[in-house]
């Protein structure tokens, strides 16, 4: 595969999870996660893990980079959701 296509698609692929940063910022600012579906984020992480495995299977740097970045952002969002829901239960 052309290396420039891999590089370009890796850059474009990393832009997708960057959209999730706004969600994480909102969660951290509001300190509540009541309006966010945990099922959705568990599903997203499951799908991203499968795509990451597929990227390793194909040895595709593009798929690997994109899904590592996505997993990082989705993991942060899920972690914040769980922390703020637990905090609400305690207080």
Protein backbone atom coordinates (compact mmCIF):
# COMPACT_ATOMS: atom_id res chain seq x y z
CA UNK A 1 0.00 0.00 0.00
CA UNK A 2 1.17 3.51 -0.72
CA UNK A 3 2.79 4.98 2.43
CA UNK A 4 1.28 8.42 1.75
CA UNK A 5 -2.24 6.98 1.76
CA UNK A 6 -1.51 5.33 5.16
CA UNK A 7 -0.13 8.62 6.53
CA UNK A 8 -3.04 10.68 5.21
CA UNK A 9 -5.69 8.24 6.43
CA UNK A 10 -4.01 8.08 9.85
CA UNK A 11 -4.23 11.86 10.11
CA UNK A 12 -7.86 11.89 8.97
CA UNK A 13 -8.67 8.94 11.23
CA UNK A 14 -7.33 10.73 14.31
CA UNK A 15 -9.70 13.63 13.61
CA UNK A 16 -12.70 11.37 14.30
CA UNK A 17 -11.95 10.75 17.99
CA UNK A 18 -11.05 14.41 18.47
CA UNK A 19 -14.77 15.11 18.23
CA UNK A 20 -15.12 13.18 21.50
CA UNK A 21 -12.88 15.65 23.31
CA UNK A 22 -15.79 18.12 23.39
CA UNK A 23 -17.91 15.49 25.17
CA UNK A 24 -15.16 14.82 27.72
CA UNK A 25 -14.70 18.56 28.29
CA UNK A 26 -18.44 18.99 28.83
CA UNK A 27 -18.51 16.07 31.28
CA UNK A 28 -15.61 17.47 33.26
CA UNK A 29 -17.09 20.98 33.30
CA UNK A 30 -20.64 19.95 34.31
CA UNK A 31 -19.54 17.15 36.67
CA UNK A 32 -22.56 15.07 35.64
CA UNK A 33 -23.08 12.23 33.21
CA UNK A 34 -26.82 11.68 33.55
CA UNK A 35 -27.52 12.47 29.88
CA UNK A 36 -24.87 10.10 28.49
CA UNK A 37 -25.59 6.47 27.65
CA UNK A 38 -23.13 4.03 29.22
CA UNK A 39 -24.37 1.29 26.88
CA UNK A 40 -23.39 3.46 23.92
CA UNK A 41 -19.83 3.97 25.18
CA UNK A 42 -19.38 0.30 26.12
CA UNK A 43 -20.54 -0.58 22.60
CA UNK A 44 -18.21 1.98 21.01
CA UNK A 45 -15.25 0.61 22.96
CA UNK A 46 -16.15 -2.97 22.02
CA UNK A 47 -16.29 -2.01 18.33
CA UNK A 48 -13.02 -0.05 18.54
CA UNK A 49 -11.25 -3.00 20.18
CA UNK A 50 -12.39 -5.23 17.34
CA UNK A 51 -11.19 -2.73 14.73
CA UNK A 52 -7.86 -2.46 16.57
CA UNK A 53 -7.49 -6.24 16.48
CA UNK A 54 -8.33 -6.16 12.76
CA UNK A 55 -5.72 -3.45 12.20
CA UNK A 56 -3.07 -5.63 13.84
CA UNK A 57 -4.27 -8.60 11.81
CA UNK A 58 -3.82 -6.60 8.58
CA UNK A 59 -0.71 -4.80 9.88
CA UNK A 60 -2.46 -1.54 8.94
CA UNK A 61 -0.86 1.41 10.70
CA UNK A 62 -3.81 3.57 9.65
CA UNK A 63 -6.41 1.37 11.36
CA UNK A 64 -4.21 0.87 14.43
CA UNK A 65 -3.49 4.59 14.99
CA UNK A 66 -7.09 5.62 14.42
CA UNK A 67 -8.48 3.07 16.85
CA UNK A 68 -5.89 3.66 19.56
CA UNK A 69 -6.78 7.37 19.46
CA UNK A 70 -10.50 6.53 19.50
CA UNK A 71 -10.10 4.11 22.38
CA UNK A 72 -8.20 6.69 24.40
CA UNK A 73 -10.91 9.34 24.02
CA UNK A 74 -13.81 6.90 24.47
CA UNK A 75 -12.09 5.41 27.51
CA UNK A 76 -11.71 8.85 29.09
CA UNK A 77 -15.37 9.63 28.45
CA UNK A 78 -16.50 6.29 29.90
CA UNK A 79 -14.24 6.75 32.93
CA UNK A 80 -15.62 10.24 33.60
CA UNK A 81 -19.19 8.95 33.23
CA UNK A 82 -18.58 6.21 35.77
CA UNK A 83 -16.79 8.54 38.21
CA UNK A 84 -19.53 11.17 38.13
CA UNK A 85 -22.32 8.60 38.45
CA UNK A 86 -20.59 6.98 41.40
CA UNK A 87 -19.97 10.37 42.99
CA UNK A 88 -23.70 11.16 42.70
CA UNK A 89 -24.57 7.87 44.42
CA UNK A 90 -22.18 8.59 47.30
CA UNK A 91 -23.33 12.15 47.91
